[in-house]
Protein backbone atom coordinates (compact mmCIF):
# COMPACT_ATOMS: atom_id res chain seq x y z
CA UNK A 1 9.27 14.56 -2.96
CA UNK A 2 6.07 13.85 -1.03
CA UNK A 3 4.52 17.04 -2.43
CA UNK A 4 5.33 15.83 -5.95
CA UNK A 5 3.73 12.44 -5.26
CA UNK A 6 0.57 14.09 -3.91
CA UNK A 7 0.36 16.49 -6.88
CA UNK A 8 0.78 13.68 -9.42
CA UNK A 9 -1.07 10.81 -7.75
CA UNK A 10 -3.58 12.30 -5.29
CA UNK A 11 -3.77 12.79 -1.55
CA UNK A 12 -3.81 9.08 -0.75
CA UNK A 13 -0.55 8.39 -2.58
CA UNK A 14 1.78 9.72 0.13
CA UNK A 15 0.30 7.60 2.94
CA UNK A 16 0.35 4.65 0.55
CA UNK A 17 4.06 5.12 -0.16
CA UNK A 18 4.87 5.53 3.54
CA UNK A 19 2.88 2.41 4.37
CA UNK A 20 4.69 0.47 1.64
CA UNK A 21 8.09 1.52 2.97
CA UNK A 22 7.06 0.66 6.54
CA UNK A 23 5.78 -2.76 5.43
CA UNK A 24 9.03 -3.56 3.62
CA UNK A 25 11.04 -2.40 6.63
CA UNK A 26 9.05 -4.54 9.05
CA UNK A 27 9.28 -7.56 6.78
CA UNK A 28 13.04 -7.11 6.48
CA UNK A 29 13.38 -6.74 10.27
CA UNK A 30 11.37 -9.92 10.91
CA UNK A 31 13.36 -11.86 8.31
CA UNK A 32 16.60 -10.66 9.88
CA UNK A 33 15.38 -11.68 13.35
CA UNK A 34 14.45 -15.11 11.99
CA UNK A 35 17.85 -15.41 10.23
CA UNK A 36 19.64 -14.59 13.48
CA UNK A 37 17.45 -17.14 15.28
CA UNK A 38 16.06 -14.47 17.59
CA UNK A 39 12.51 -15.76 17.22
CA UNK A 40 11.28 -18.75 19.16
CA UNK A 41 9.58 -21.53 17.17
CA UNK A 42 5.87 -20.81 17.06
CA UNK A 43 6.40 -17.15 17.97
CA UNK A 44 4.70 -15.06 15.29
CA UNK A 45 4.90 -11.36 16.18
CA UNK A 46 4.43 -10.38 12.53
CA UNK A 47 0.82 -11.54 12.65
CA UNK A 48 0.01 -8.47 14.75
CA UNK A 49 1.73 -6.06 12.34
CA UNK A 50 2.07 -7.39 8.79
CA UNK A 51 -1.42 -8.84 8.46
CA UNK A 52 -3.22 -5.66 9.58
CA UNK A 53 -0.94 -3.60 7.33
CA UNK A 54 -2.05 -5.74 4.38
CA UNK A 55 -5.67 -4.80 5.02
CA UNK A 56 -4.85 -1.15 5.58
CA UNK A 57 -2.87 -1.01 2.32
CA UNK A 58 -5.82 -2.28 0.30
CA UNK A 59 -8.19 0.11 2.07
CA UNK A 60 -5.99 3.14 1.37
CA UNK A 61 -5.71 1.96 -2.24
CA UNK A 62 -9.49 1.80 -2.55
CA UNK A 63 -9.89 5.21 -0.94
CA UNK A 64 -7.38 6.54 -3.45
CA UNK A 65 -9.41 4.96 -6.24
CA UNK A 66 -12.62 6.58 -5.09
CA UNK A 67 -10.86 9.94 -4.76
CA UNK A 68 -9.32 9.56 -8.22
CA UNK A 69 -12.65 8.68 -9.81
CA UNK A 70 -14.30 11.68 -8.15
CA UNK A 71 -11.60 13.90 -9.66
CA UNK A 72 -11.94 12.17 -13.03
CA UNK A 73 -15.73 12.49 -13.17
CA UNK A 74 -15.36 16.14 -12.16
CA UNK A 75 -13.67 16.59 -15.53
CA UNK A 76 -17.03 16.02 -17.23
CA UNK A 77 -18.94 18.74 -15.34
CA UNK A 78 -18.69 21.64 -17.76
CA UNK A 79 -17.50 20.17 -20.98
CA UNK A 80 -14.62 17.76 -21.18
CA UNK A 81 -11.47 18.53 -19.18
CA UNK A 82 -9.18 15.78 -20.46
CA UNK A 83 -6.35 16.72 -18.07
CA UNK A 84 -8.65 16.33 -15.06
CA UNK A 85 -10.03 12.99 -16.28
CA UNK A 86 -6.57 11.58 -17.01
CA UNK A 87 -5.15 12.88 -13.73
CA UNK A 88 -8.01 11.36 -11.72
CA UNK A 89 -7.78 8.01 -13.45
CA UNK A 90 -4.02 7.96 -12.99
CA UNK A 91 -4.38 8.60 -9.26
CA UNK A 92 -7.07 5.93 -8.98
CA UNK A 93 -5.07 3.21 -10.68
CA UNK A 94 -1.76 4.18 -9.08
CA UNK A 95 -3.09 4.00 -5.51
CA UNK A 96 -4.99 0.78 -6.20
CA UNK A 97 -1.93 -0.87 -7.71
CA UNK A 98 0.41 0.16 -4.92
CA UNK A 99 -2.16 -0.94 -2.33
CA UNK A 100 -2.53 -4.37 -3.89
CA UNK A 101 1.23 -4.88 -4.25
CA UNK A 102 1.85 -3.76 -0.65
CA UNK A 103 -0.89 -6.08 0.57
CA UNK A 104 0.57 -9.00 -1.38
CA UNK A 105 4.07 -8.36 -0.02
CA UNK A 106 2.76 -8.16 3.56
CA UNK A 107 0.55 -11.25 3.23
CA UNK A 108 3.12 -13.40 1.44
CA UNK A 109 5.85 -12.24 3.82
CA UNK A 110 3.71 -13.13 6.83
CA UNK A 111 2.94 -16.53 5.36
CA UNK A 112 6.60 -17.20 4.51
CA UNK A 113 7.70 -16.21 8.01
CA UNK A 114 5.07 -18.50 9.53
CA UNK A 115 6.30 -21.41 7.43
CA UNK A 116 9.97 -20.69 8.16
CA UNK A 117 9.43 -20.33 11.90
CA UNK A 118 7.68 -23.68 12.43
């Protein structure tokens, strides 16, 4: 499965997917701990994990974009290779989109947990 993701969406897609899954898992674990009242009021352990993951997700998305655009512009070297251009642009937009969504989930989750745990 990971090989298929890399082939279709570029080398930065697999780390992006793994980071997205890890972010959702951490958010779910923190919400469960809050639900079970295992967190003390004012205790915010997610700030050390979710907030950095939000920044990392965007950065990997941007790296994937740069990589995708390099591939896409390589399709113009010797004539027009439409497959290469489309593949590069697809990888660029896919990694950017997943990075932004992952970052939003991590940031909004961190904010919601901070509000709930006051």
